[in-house]
PDB file of N, CA and C in Angstrom:
ATOM      1  N   UNK A   1      15.996  11.920 -15.548  1.00  0.00           N
ATOM      2  CA  UNK A   1      15.357  12.120 -14.266  1.00  0.00           C
ATOM      3  C   UNK A   1      15.442  13.605 -13.909  1.00  0.00           C
ATOM      4  N   UNK A   2      14.368  14.117 -13.382  1.00  0.00           N
ATOM      5  CA  UNK A   2      14.340  15.523 -13.000  1.00  0.00           C
ATOM      6  C   UNK A   2      15.293  15.782 -11.836  1.00  0.00           C
ATOM      7  N   UNK A   3      15.942  16.964 -11.839  1.00  0.00           N
ATOM      8  CA  UNK A   3      16.877  17.283 -10.747  1.00  0.00           C
ATOM      9  C   UNK A   3      16.252  17.170  -9.355  1.00  0.00           C
ATOM     10  N   UNK A   4      15.003  17.586  -9.220  1.00  0.00           N
ATOM     11  CA  UNK A   4      14.357  17.515  -7.913  1.00  0.00           C
ATOM     12  C   UNK A   4      14.215  16.063  -7.453  1.00  0.00           C
ATOM     13  N   UNK A   5      13.883  15.183  -8.366  1.00  0.00           N
ATOM     14  CA  UNK A   5      13.779  13.761  -8.027  1.00  0.00           C
ATOM     15  C   UNK A   5      15.144  13.192  -7.657  1.00  0.00           C
ATOM     16  N   UNK A   6      16.181  13.655  -8.326  1.00  0.00           N
ATOM     17  CA  UNK A   6      17.537  13.199  -8.007  1.00  0.00           C
ATOM     18  C   UNK A   6      17.920  13.620  -6.593  1.00  0.00           C
ATOM     19  N   UNK A   7      17.565  14.859  -6.228  1.00  0.00           N
ATOM     20  CA  UNK A   7      17.860  15.331  -4.875  1.00  0.00           C
ATOM     21  C   UNK A   7      17.128  14.470  -3.854  1.00  0.00           C
ATOM     22  N   UNK A   8      15.870  14.160  -4.128  1.00  0.00           N
ATOM     23  CA  UNK A   8      15.099  13.299  -3.226  1.00  0.00           C
ATOM     24  C   UNK A   8      15.793  11.956  -3.047  1.00  0.00           C
ATOM     25  N   UNK A   9      16.270  11.361  -4.141  1.00  0.00           N
ATOM     26  CA  UNK A   9      16.950  10.068  -4.074  1.00  0.00           C
ATOM     27  C   UNK A   9      18.266  10.157  -3.305  1.00  0.00           C
ATOM     28  N   UNK A  10      18.985  11.262  -3.482  1.00  0.00           N
ATOM     29  CA  UNK A  10      20.237  11.470  -2.742  1.00  0.00           C
ATOM     30  C   UNK A  10      19.943  11.569  -1.245  1.00  0.00           C
ATOM     31  N   UNK A  11      18.948  12.368  -0.882  1.00  0.00           N
ATOM     32  CA  UNK A  11      18.581  12.513   0.531  1.00  0.00           C
ATOM     33  C   UNK A  11      18.131  11.187   1.125  1.00  0.00           C
ATOM     34  N   UNK A  12      17.402  10.413   0.362  1.00  0.00           N
ATOM     35  CA  UNK A  12      16.949   9.102   0.830  1.00  0.00           C
ATOM     36  C   UNK A  12      18.148   8.189   1.096  1.00  0.00           C
ATOM     37  N   UNK A  13      19.133   8.208   0.205  1.00  0.00           N
ATOM     38  CA  UNK A  13      20.339   7.394   0.397  1.00  0.00           C
ATOM     39  C   UNK A  13      21.098   7.816   1.655  1.00  0.00           C
ATOM     40  N   UNK A  14      21.212   9.112   1.854  1.00  0.00           N
ATOM     41  CA  UNK A  14      21.911   9.618   3.042  1.00  0.00           C
ATOM     42  C   UNK A  14      21.132   9.260   4.309  1.00  0.00           C
ATOM     43  N   UNK A  15      19.818   9.419   4.282  1.00  0.00           N
ATOM     44  CA  UNK A  15      18.997   9.063   5.447  1.00  0.00           C
ATOM     45  C   UNK A  15      19.087   7.576   5.759  1.00  0.00           C
ATOM     46  N   UNK A  16      19.084   6.739   4.719  1.00  0.00           N
ATOM     47  CA  UNK A  16      19.229   5.296   4.926  1.00  0.00           C
ATOM     48  C   UNK A  16      20.572   4.980   5.571  1.00  0.00           C
ATOM     49  N   UNK A  17      21.637   5.625   5.070  1.00  0.00           N
ATOM     50  CA  UNK A  17      22.958   5.405   5.650  1.00  0.00           C
ATOM     51  C   UNK A  17      22.978   5.857   7.108  1.00  0.00           C
ATOM     52  N   UNK A  18      22.378   7.017   7.384  1.00  0.00           N
ATOM     53  CA  UNK A  18      22.367   7.533   8.758  1.00  0.00           C
ATOM     54  C   UNK A  18      21.648   6.570   9.702  1.00  0.00           C
ATOM     55  N   UNK A  19      20.539   6.005   9.257  1.00  0.00           N
ATOM     56  CA  UNK A  19      19.807   5.035  10.081  1.00  0.00           C
ATOM     57  C   UNK A  19      20.647   3.796  10.349  1.00  0.00           C
ATOM     58  N   UNK A  20      21.313   3.293   9.314  1.00  0.00           N
ATOM     59  CA  UNK A  20      22.178   2.117   9.480  1.00  0.00           C
ATOM     60  C   UNK A  20      23.357   2.423  10.396  1.00  0.00           C
ATOM     61  N   UNK A  21      23.923   3.615  10.251  1.00  0.00           N
ATOM     62  CA  UNK A  21      25.047   4.034  11.084  1.00  0.00           C
ATOM     63  C   UNK A  21      24.622   4.079  12.553  1.00  0.00           C
ATOM     64  N   UNK A  22      23.456   4.671  12.813  1.00  0.00           N
ATOM     65  CA  UNK A  22      22.948   4.770  14.184  1.00  0.00           C
ATOM     66  C   UNK A  22      22.697   3.383  14.768  1.00  0.00           C
ATOM     67  N   UNK A  23      22.097   2.520  13.973  1.00  0.00           N
ATOM     68  CA  UNK A  23      21.805   1.166  14.439  1.00  0.00           C
ATOM     69  C   UNK A  23      23.094   0.400  14.762  1.00  0.00           C
ATOM     70  N   UNK A  24      24.097   0.556  13.927  1.00  0.00           N
ATOM     71  CA  UNK A  24      25.356  -0.185  14.097  1.00  0.00           C
ATOM     72  C   UNK A  24      26.210   0.363  15.234  1.00  0.00           C
ATOM     73  N   UNK A  25      26.296   1.699  15.349  1.00  0.00           N
ATOM     74  CA  UNK A  25      27.229   2.312  16.299  1.00  0.00           C
ATOM     75  C   UNK A  25      26.571   2.924  17.535  1.00  0.00           C
ATOM     76  N   UNK A  26      25.249   3.073  17.515  1.00  0.00           N
ATOM     77  CA  UNK A  26      24.556   3.622  18.671  1.00  0.00           C
ATOM     78  C   UNK A  26      24.713   5.121  18.847  1.00  0.00           C
ATOM     79  N   UNK A  27      25.144   5.799  17.788  1.00  0.00           N
ATOM     80  CA  UNK A  27      25.271   7.257  17.821  1.00  0.00           C
ATOM     81  C   UNK A  27      24.744   7.817  16.507  1.00  0.00           C
ATOM     82  N   UNK A  28      24.409   9.102  16.535  1.00  0.00           N
ATOM     83  CA  UNK A  28      23.925   9.752  15.316  1.00  0.00           C
ATOM     84  C   UNK A  28      25.093  10.061  14.384  1.00  0.00           C
ATOM     85  N   UNK A  29      24.774  10.360  13.149  1.00  0.00           N
ATOM     86  CA  UNK A  29      25.806  10.740  12.182  1.00  0.00           C
ATOM     87  C   UNK A  29      26.496  12.029  12.627  1.00  0.00           C
ATOM     88  N   UNK A  30      25.745  12.984  13.182  1.00  0.00           N
ATOM     89  CA  UNK A  30      26.357  14.215  13.692  1.00  0.00           C
ATOM     90  C   UNK A  30      27.331  13.919  14.829  1.00  0.00           C
ATOM     91  N   UNK A  31      26.981  12.980  15.702  1.00  0.00           N
ATOM     92  CA  UNK A  31      27.904  12.606  16.774  1.00  0.00           C
ATOM     93  C   UNK A  31      29.162  11.967  16.193  1.00  0.00           C
ATOM     94  N   UNK A  32      28.985  11.134  15.177  1.00  0.00           N
ATOM     95  CA  UNK A  32      30.141  10.528  14.518  1.00  0.00           C
ATOM     96  C   UNK A  32      31.037  11.571  13.879  1.00  0.00           C
ATOM     97  N   UNK A  33      30.431  12.554  13.213  1.00  0.00           N
ATOM     98  CA  UNK A  33      31.219  13.622  12.591  1.00  0.00           C
ATOM     99  C   UNK A  33      31.904  14.478  13.651  1.00  0.00           C
ATOM    100  N   UNK A  34      31.239  14.687  14.783  1.00  0.00           N
ATOM    101  CA  UNK A  34      31.846  15.413  15.901  1.00  0.00           C
ATOM    102  C   UNK A  34      33.099  14.686  16.380  1.00  0.00           C
ATOM    103  N   UNK A  35      32.984  13.376  16.573  1.00  0.00           N
ATOM    104  CA  UNK A  35      34.130  12.598  17.050  1.00  0.00           C
ATOM    105  C   UNK A  35      35.273  12.619  16.041  1.00  0.00           C
ATOM    106  N   UNK A  36      34.956  12.499  14.771  1.00  0.00           N
ATOM    107  CA  UNK A  36      35.998  12.566  13.735  1.00  0.00           C
ATOM    108  C   UNK A  36      36.685  13.929  13.747  1.00  0.00           C
ATOM    109  N   UNK A  37      35.904  14.983  13.910  1.00  0.00           N
ATOM    110  CA  UNK A  37      36.452  16.345  13.924  1.00  0.00           C
ATOM    111  C   UNK A  37      37.401  16.546  15.099  1.00  0.00           C
ATOM    112  N   UNK A  38      36.953  16.175  16.295  1.00  0.00           N
ATOM    113  CA  UNK A  38      37.804  16.357  17.475  1.00  0.00           C
ATOM    114  C   UNK A  38      39.023  15.446  17.391  1.00  0.00           C
ATOM    115  N   UNK A  39      38.841  14.254  16.835  1.00  0.00           N
ATOM    116  CA  UNK A  39      39.964  13.330  16.681  1.00  0.00           C
ATOM    117  C   UNK A  39      41.053  13.930  15.796  1.00  0.00           C
ATOM    118  N   UNK A  40      40.647  14.594  14.719  1.00  0.00           N
ATOM    119  CA  UNK A  40      41.609  15.195  13.786  1.00  0.00           C
ATOM    120  C   UNK A  40      42.209  16.488  14.320  1.00  0.00           C
ATOM    121  N   UNK A  41      41.391  17.310  14.960  1.00  0.00           N
ATOM    122  CA  UNK A  41      41.815  18.655  15.337  1.00  0.00           C
ATOM    123  C   UNK A  41      42.374  18.750  16.754  1.00  0.00           C
ATOM    124  N   UNK A  42      42.148  17.745  17.567  1.00  0.00           N
ATOM    125  CA  UNK A  42      42.541  17.860  18.969  1.00  0.00           C
ATOM    126  C   UNK A  42      41.446  18.575  19.728  1.00  0.00           C
ATOM    127  N   UNK A  43      41.797  19.507  20.565  1.00  0.00           N
ATOM    128  CA  UNK A  43      40.762  20.209  21.328  1.00  0.00           C
ATOM    129  C   UNK A  43      40.073  21.249  20.450  1.00  0.00           C
ATOM    130  N   UNK A  44      38.766  21.376  20.657  1.00  0.00           N
ATOM    131  CA  UNK A  44      37.951  22.288  19.844  1.00  0.00           C
ATOM    132  C   UNK A  44      36.952  23.017  20.727  1.00  0.00           C
ATOM    133  N   UNK A  45      36.641  24.237  20.345  1.00  0.00           N
ATOM    134  CA  UNK A  45      35.563  24.979  21.009  1.00  0.00           C
ATOM    135  C   UNK A  45      34.239  24.586  20.355  1.00  0.00           C
ATOM    136  N   UNK A  46      33.146  24.864  21.037  1.00  0.00           N
ATOM    137  CA  UNK A  46      31.838  24.528  20.464  1.00  0.00           C
ATOM    138  C   UNK A  46      31.574  25.330  19.194  1.00  0.00           C
ATOM    139  N   UNK A  47      32.028  26.571  19.154  1.00  0.00           N
ATOM    140  CA  UNK A  47      31.856  27.389  17.952  1.00  0.00           C
ATOM    141  C   UNK A  47      32.584  26.807  16.755  1.00  0.00           C
ATOM    142  N   UNK A  48      33.788  26.344  16.983  1.00  0.00           N
ATOM    143  CA  UNK A  48      34.579  25.732  15.902  1.00  0.00           C
ATOM    144  C   UNK A  48      33.927  24.433  15.442  1.00  0.00           C
ATOM    145  N   UNK A  49      33.408  23.664  16.377  1.00  0.00           N
ATOM    146  CA  UNK A  49      32.723  22.415  16.033  1.00  0.00           C
ATOM    147  C   UNK A  49      31.516  22.717  15.149  1.00  0.00           C
ATOM    148  N   UNK A  50      30.705  23.705  15.530  1.00  0.00           N
ATOM    149  CA  UNK A  50      29.531  24.079  14.733  1.00  0.00           C
ATOM    150  C   UNK A  50      29.949  24.487  13.330  1.00  0.00           C
ATOM    151  N   UNK A  51      31.008  25.271  13.245  1.00  0.00           N
ATOM    152  CA  UNK A  51      31.504  25.744  11.949  1.00  0.00           C
ATOM    153  C   UNK A  51      31.960  24.580  11.066  1.00  0.00           C
ATOM    154  N   UNK A  52      32.755  23.688  11.616  1.00  0.00           N
ATOM    155  CA  UNK A  52      33.293  22.569  10.837  1.00  0.00           C
ATOM    156  C   UNK A  52      32.185  21.606  10.410  1.00  0.00           C
ATOM    157  N   UNK A  53      31.234  21.345  11.305  1.00  0.00           N
ATOM    158  CA  UNK A  53      30.149  20.414  10.979  1.00  0.00           C
ATOM    159  C   UNK A  53      29.063  21.057  10.125  1.00  0.00           C
ATOM    160  N   UNK A  54      29.071  22.388  10.037  1.00  0.00           N
ATOM    161  CA  UNK A  54      28.060  23.072   9.240  1.00  0.00           C
ATOM    162  C   UNK A  54      26.681  23.025   9.873  1.00  0.00           C
ATOM    163  N   UNK A  55      26.649  23.116  11.204  1.00  0.00           N
ATOM    164  CA  UNK A  55      25.378  23.106  11.928  1.00  0.00           C
ATOM    165  C   UNK A  55      25.310  24.354  12.813  1.00  0.00           C
ATOM    166  N   UNK A  56      24.127  24.646  13.320  1.00  0.00           N
ATOM    167  CA  UNK A  56      23.965  25.817  14.180  1.00  0.00           C
ATOM    168  C   UNK A  56      24.650  25.584  15.525  1.00  0.00           C
ATOM    169  N   UNK A  57      24.927  26.662  16.227  1.00  0.00           N
ATOM    170  CA  UNK A  57      25.523  26.558  17.566  1.00  0.00           C
ATOM    171  C   UNK A  57      24.615  25.776  18.506  1.00  0.00           C
ATOM    172  N   UNK A  58      23.320  25.995  18.385  1.00  0.00           N
ATOM    173  CA  UNK A  58      22.352  25.288  19.222  1.00  0.00           C
ATOM    174  C   UNK A  58      22.394  23.782  18.959  1.00  0.00           C
ATOM    175  N   UNK A  59      22.423  23.414  17.685  1.00  0.00           N
ATOM    176  CA  UNK A  59      22.485  22.000  17.330  1.00  0.00           C
ATOM    177  C   UNK A  59      23.819  21.398  17.763  1.00  0.00           C
ATOM    178  N   UNK A  60      24.904  22.144  17.595  1.00  0.00           N
ATOM    179  CA  UNK A  60      26.227  21.667  18.023  1.00  0.00           C
ATOM    180  C   UNK A  60      26.220  21.396  19.520  1.00  0.00           C
ATOM    181  N   UNK A  61      25.593  22.277  20.279  1.00  0.00           N
ATOM    182  CA  UNK A  61      25.515  22.104  21.729  1.00  0.00           C
ATOM    183  C   UNK A  61      24.815  20.796  22.090  1.00  0.00           C
ATOM    184  N   UNK A  62      23.728  20.486  21.396  1.00  0.00           N
ATOM    185  CA  UNK A  62      22.993  19.239  21.647  1.00  0.00           C
ATOM    186  C   UNK A  62      23.850  18.020  21.324  1.00  0.00           C
ATOM    187  N   UNK A  63      24.569  18.073  20.211  1.00  0.00           N
ATOM    188  CA  UNK A  63      25.421  16.954  19.803  1.00  0.00           C
ATOM    189  C   UNK A  63      26.561  16.778  20.808  1.00  0.00           C
ATOM    190  N   UNK A  64      27.149  17.888  21.238  1.00  0.00           N
ATOM    191  CA  UNK A  64      28.245  17.854  22.211  1.00  0.00           C
ATOM    192  C   UNK A  64      27.772  17.241  23.529  1.00  0.00           C
ATOM    193  N   UNK A  65      26.626  17.697  24.029  1.00  0.00           N
ATOM    194  CA  UNK A  65      26.098  17.178  25.294  1.00  0.00           C
ATOM    195  C   UNK A  65      25.840  15.680  25.190  1.00  0.00           C
ATOM    196  N   UNK A  66      25.275  15.244  24.078  1.00  0.00           N
ATOM    197  CA  UNK A  66      24.998  13.824  23.889  1.00  0.00           C
ATOM    198  C   UNK A  66      26.286  12.997  23.885  1.00  0.00           C
ATOM    199  N   UNK A  67      27.293  13.453  23.137  1.00  0.00           N
ATOM    200  CA  UNK A  67      28.572  12.730  23.077  1.00  0.00           C
ATOM    201  C   UNK A  67      29.274  12.753  24.432  1.00  0.00           C
ATOM    202  N   UNK A  68      29.112  13.844  25.141  1.00  0.00           N
ATOM    203  CA  UNK A  68      29.720  13.964  26.475  1.00  0.00           C
ATOM    204  C   UNK A  68      29.056  12.991  27.455  1.00  0.00           C
ATOM    205  N   UNK A  69      27.726  12.906  27.419  1.00  0.00           N
ATOM    206  CA  UNK A  69      26.998  11.984  28.300  1.00  0.00           C
ATOM    207  C   UNK A  69      27.375  10.531  28.029  1.00  0.00           C
ATOM    208  N   UNK A  70      27.701  10.227  26.780  1.00  0.00           N
ATOM    209  CA  UNK A  70      28.086   8.861  26.407  1.00  0.00           C
ATOM    210  C   UNK A  70      29.551   8.573  26.721  1.00  0.00           C
ATOM    211  N   UNK A  71      30.271   9.594  27.185  1.00  0.00           N
ATOM    212  CA  UNK A  71      31.658   9.403  27.592  1.00  0.00           C
ATOM    213  C   UNK A  71      32.676   9.450  26.471  1.00  0.00           C
ATOM    214  N   UNK A  72      32.299   9.981  25.299  1.00  0.00           N
ATOM    215  CA  UNK A  72      33.211  10.031  24.153  1.00  0.00           C
ATOM    216  C   UNK A  72      34.107  11.271  24.155  1.00  0.00           C
ATOM    217  N   UNK A  73      33.623  12.341  24.791  1.00  0.00           N
ATOM    218  CA  UNK A  73      34.403  13.585  24.861  1.00  0.00           C
ATOM    219  C   UNK A  73      34.309  14.133  26.277  1.00  0.00           C
ATOM    220  N   UNK A  74      35.212  15.050  26.592  1.00  0.00           N
ATOM    221  CA  UNK A  74      35.115  15.742  27.876  1.00  0.00           C
ATOM    222  C   UNK A  74      35.468  17.205  27.700  1.00  0.00           C
ATOM    223  N   UNK A  75      34.966  18.017  28.618  1.00  0.00           N
ATOM    224  CA  UNK A  75      35.199  19.462  28.608  1.00  0.00           C
ATOM    225  C   UNK A  75      36.491  19.768  29.349  1.00  0.00           C
ATOM    226  N   UNK A  76      37.206  20.750  28.833  1.00  0.00           N
ATOM    227  CA  UNK A  76      38.344  21.296  29.567  1.00  0.00           C
ATOM    228  C   UNK A  76      38.243  22.814  29.523  1.00  0.00           C
ATOM    229  N   UNK A  77      38.705  23.441  30.563  1.00  0.00           N
ATOM    230  CA  UNK A  77      38.673  24.903  30.652  1.00  0.00           C
ATOM    231  C   UNK A  77      39.861  25.458  29.878  1.00  0.00           C
ATOM    232  N   UNK A  78      39.633  26.560  29.149  1.00  0.00           N
ATOM    233  CA  UNK A  78      40.703  27.202  28.395  1.00  0.00           C
ATOM    234  C   UNK A  78      41.843  27.638  29.304  1.00  0.00           C
ATOM    235  N   UNK A  79      43.065  27.488  28.821  1.00  0.00           N
ATOM    236  CA  UNK A  79      44.239  27.850  29.628  1.00  0.00           C
ATOM    237  C   UNK A  79      44.390  29.361  29.746  1.00  0.00           C
ATOM    238  N   UNK A  80      44.231  30.065  28.632  1.00  0.00           N
ATOM    239  CA  UNK A  80      44.397  31.520  28.647  1.00  0.00           C
ATOM    240  C   UNK A  80      43.142  32.246  29.113  1.00  0.00           C
ATOM    241  N   UNK A  81      41.997  31.756  28.686  1.00  0.00           N
ATOM    242  CA  UNK A  81      40.721  32.369  29.057  1.00  0.00           C
ATOM    243  C   UNK A  81      39.870  31.296  29.724  1.00  0.00           C
ATOM    244  N   UNK A  82      39.756  31.372  31.029  1.00  0.00           N
ATOM    245  CA  UNK A  82      39.063  30.326  31.786  1.00  0.00           C
ATOM    246  C   UNK A  82      37.550  30.306  31.518  1.00  0.00           C
ATOM    247  N   UNK A  83      37.050  31.307  30.809  1.00  0.00           N
ATOM    248  CA  UNK A  83      35.636  31.296  30.429  1.00  0.00           C
ATOM    249  C   UNK A  83      35.407  30.413  29.208  1.00  0.00           C
ATOM    250  N   UNK A  84      36.459  30.144  28.465  1.00  0.00           N
ATOM    251  CA  UNK A  84      36.374  29.358  27.229  1.00  0.00           C
ATOM    252  C   UNK A  84      36.375  27.860  27.551  1.00  0.00           C
ATOM    253  N   UNK A  85      35.465  27.130  26.936  1.00  0.00           N
ATOM    254  CA  UNK A  85      35.408  25.673  27.077  1.00  0.00           C
ATOM    255  C   UNK A  85      35.918  25.032  25.794  1.00  0.00           C
ATOM    256  N   UNK A  86      36.684  23.987  25.950  1.00  0.00           N
ATOM    257  CA  UNK A  86      37.151  23.192  24.820  1.00  0.00           C
ATOM    258  C   UNK A  86      36.742  21.751  25.063  1.00  0.00           C
ATOM    259  N   UNK A  87      36.722  20.985  23.997  1.00  0.00           N
ATOM    260  CA  UNK A  87      36.326  19.586  24.093  1.00  0.00           C
ATOM    261  C   UNK A  87      37.432  18.723  23.521  1.00  0.00           C
ATOM    262  N   UNK A  88      37.716  17.621  24.229  1.00  0.00           N
ATOM    263  CA  UNK A  88      38.749  16.686  23.794  1.00  0.00           C
ATOM    264  C   UNK A  88      38.178  15.274  23.805  1.00  0.00           C
ATOM    265  N   UNK A  89      38.845  14.383  23.091  1.00  0.00           N
ATOM    266  CA  UNK A  89      38.425  12.985  23.025  1.00  0.00           C
ATOM    267  C   UNK A  89      38.834  12.245  24.289  1.00  0.00           C
ATOM    268  N   UNK A  90      38.021  11.288  24.673  1.00  0.00           N
ATOM    269  CA  UNK A  90      38.387  10.346  25.725  1.00  0.00           C
ATOM    270  C   UNK A  90      38.892   9.076  25.038  1.00  0.00           C
ATOM    271  N   UNK A  91      39.428   8.156  25.815  1.00  0.00           N
ATOM    272  CA  UNK A  91      39.843   6.871  25.242  1.00  0.00           C
ATOM    273  C   UNK A  91      38.652   6.164  24.595  1.00  0.00           C
ATOM    274  N   UNK A  92      37.504   6.249  25.247  1.00  0.00           N
ATOM    275  CA  UNK A  92      36.286   5.640  24.699  1.00  0.00           C
ATOM    276  C   UNK A  92      35.935   6.266  23.350  1.00  0.00           C
ATOM    277  N   UNK A  93      36.119   7.582  23.235  1.00  0.00           N
ATOM    278  CA  UNK A  93      35.852   8.275  21.977  1.00  0.00           C
ATOM    279  C   UNK A  93      36.798   7.831  20.878  1.00  0.00           C
ATOM    280  N   UNK A  94      38.084   7.686  21.218  1.00  0.00           N
ATOM    281  CA  UNK A  94      39.065   7.217  20.228  1.00  0.00           C
ATOM    282  C   UNK A  94      38.714   5.807  19.746  1.00  0.00           C
ATOM    283  N   UNK A  95      38.271   4.954  20.660  1.00  0.00           N
ATOM    284  CA  UNK A  95      37.882   3.585  20.281  1.00  0.00           C
ATOM    285  C   UNK A  95      36.673   3.605  19.350  1.00  0.00           C
ATOM    286  N   UNK A  96      35.745   4.507  19.625  1.00  0.00           N
ATOM    287  CA  UNK A  96      34.552   4.605  18.772  1.00  0.00           C
ATOM    288  C   UNK A  96      34.940   5.041  17.366  1.00  0.00           C
ATOM    289  N   UNK A  97      35.854   6.010  17.252  1.00  0.00           N
ATOM    290  CA  UNK A  97      36.315   6.459  15.930  1.00  0.00           C
ATOM    291  C   UNK A  97      36.991   5.306  15.195  1.00  0.00           C
ATOM    292  N   UNK A  98      37.776   4.512  15.897  1.00  0.00           N
ATOM    293  CA  UNK A  98      38.423   3.349  15.278  1.00  0.00           C
ATOM    294  C   UNK A  98      37.380   2.389  14.718  1.00  0.00           C
ATOM    295  N   UNK A  99      36.251   2.268  15.403  1.00  0.00           N
ATOM    296  CA  UNK A  99      35.205   1.349  14.930  1.00  0.00           C
ATOM    297  C   UNK A  99      34.576   1.818  13.622  1.00  0.00           C
ATOM    298  N   UNK A 100      34.680   3.120  13.314  1.00  0.00           N
ATOM    299  CA  UNK A 100      34.130   3.644  12.057  1.00  0.00           C
ATOM    300  C   UNK A 100      34.938   3.186  10.851  1.00  0.00           C
ATOM    301  N   UNK A 101      36.194   2.876  11.037  1.00  0.00           N
ATOM    302  CA  UNK A 101      37.060   2.530   9.910  1.00  0.00           C
ATOM    303  C   UNK A 101      36.526   1.342   9.124  1.00  0.00           C
ATOM    304  N   UNK A 102      35.815   0.459   9.799  1.00  0.00           N
ATOM    305  CA  UNK A 102      35.239  -0.691   9.103  1.00  0.00           C
ATOM    306  C   UNK A 102      34.111  -0.277   8.162  1.00  0.00           C
ATOM    307  N   UNK A 103      33.620   0.940   8.307  1.00  0.00           N
ATOM    308  CA  UNK A 103      32.526   1.436   7.466  1.00  0.00           C
ATOM    309  C   UNK A 103      33.014   2.077   6.172  1.00  0.00           C
ATOM    310  N   UNK A 104      34.317   2.140   5.963  1.00  0.00           N
ATOM    311  CA  UNK A 104      34.858   2.857   4.799  1.00  0.00           C
ATOM    312  C   UNK A 104      34.260   2.372   3.489  1.00  0.00           C
ATOM    313  N   UNK A 105      34.183   1.076   3.305  1.00  0.00           N
ATOM    314  CA  UNK A 105      33.624   0.541   2.047  1.00  0.00           C
ATOM    315  C   UNK A 105      32.163   0.919   1.889  1.00  0.00           C
ATOM    316  N   UNK A 106      31.430   0.832   2.985  1.00  0.00           N
ATOM    317  CA  UNK A 106      30.006   1.168   2.940  1.00  0.00           C
ATOM    318  C   UNK A 106      29.813   2.644   2.594  1.00  0.00           C
ATOM    319  N   UNK A 107      30.632   3.504   3.169  1.00  0.00           N
ATOM    320  CA  UNK A 107      30.543   4.940   2.892  1.00  0.00           C
ATOM    321  C   UNK A 107      30.877   5.210   1.433  1.00  0.00           C
ATOM    322  N   UNK A 108      31.930   4.580   0.935  1.00  0.00           N
ATOM    323  CA  UNK A 108      32.301   4.753  -0.475  1.00  0.00           C
ATOM    324  C   UNK A 108      31.194   4.251  -1.393  1.00  0.00           C
ATOM    325  N   UNK A 109      30.525   3.183  -1.002  1.00  0.00           N
ATOM    326  CA  UNK A 109      29.414   2.651  -1.789  1.00  0.00           C
ATOM    327  C   UNK A 109      28.269   3.664  -1.866  1.00  0.00           C
ATOM    328  N   UNK A 110      27.958   4.307  -0.751  1.00  0.00           N
ATOM    329  CA  UNK A 110      26.909   5.337  -0.740  1.00  0.00           C
ATOM    330  C   UNK A 110      27.305   6.491  -1.650  1.00  0.00           C
ATOM    331  N   UNK A 111      28.558   6.909  -1.570  1.00  0.00           N
ATOM    332  CA  UNK A 111      29.040   8.010  -2.409  1.00  0.00           C
ATOM    333  C   UNK A 111      28.941   7.637  -3.883  1.00  0.00           C
ATOM    334  N   UNK A 112      29.324   6.424  -4.233  1.00  0.00           N
ATOM    335  CA  UNK A 112      29.242   5.976  -5.630  1.00  0.00           C
ATOM    336  C   UNK A 112      27.796   5.959  -6.113  1.00  0.00           C
ATOM    337  N   UNK A 113      26.876   5.482  -5.268  1.00  0.00           N
ATOM    338  CA  UNK A 113      25.453   5.475  -5.650  1.00  0.00           C
ATOM    339  C   UNK A 113      24.960   6.893  -5.891  1.00  0.00           C
ATOM    340  N   UNK A 114      25.393   7.815  -5.060  1.00  0.00           N
ATOM    341  CA  UNK A 114      24.973   9.210  -5.215  1.00  0.00           C
ATOM    342  C   UNK A 114      25.526   9.787  -6.510  1.00  0.00           C
ATOM    343  N   UNK A 115      26.773   9.476  -6.821  1.00  0.00           N
ATOM    344  CA  UNK A 115      27.378   9.972  -8.065  1.00  0.00           C
ATOM    345  C   UNK A 115      26.624   9.472  -9.290  1.00  0.00           C
ATOM    346  N   UNK A 116      26.094   8.258  -9.202  1.00  0.00           N
ATOM    347  CA  UNK A 116      25.393   7.656 -10.341  1.00  0.00           C
ATOM    348  C   UNK A 116      23.980   8.205 -10.517  1.00  0.00           C
ATOM    349  N   UNK A 117      23.471   8.907  -9.542  1.00  0.00           N
ATOM    350  CA  UNK A 117      22.081   9.401  -9.609  1.00  0.00           C
ATOM    351  C   UNK A 117      21.947  10.564 -10.557  1.00  0.00           C
TER     352      UNK A 117
END
């Protein structure tokens, strides 16, 4: 199989997983990755979130606002620099991350399919 066709198949698998993830959890894959990141790191700035997720600052801002509106994260003002905003998980956000754990097998299955391509 040509490498370009393999890339197309990989992207299709990831897009299919993202659609299923959104349907099951009611959030985008980027929102899920945001919640996992904040869950692991504790409080994070928007710049750090963009860096870790590998997305632009503008896109990170959209994902943050969406997760904030859904009640999964909240803003806190920086202690040393009050101009700095940080984001932390809410109880609702922690519960949502816990719900992802049931997807572990499905995620591993997608990864295995990609490896076989």
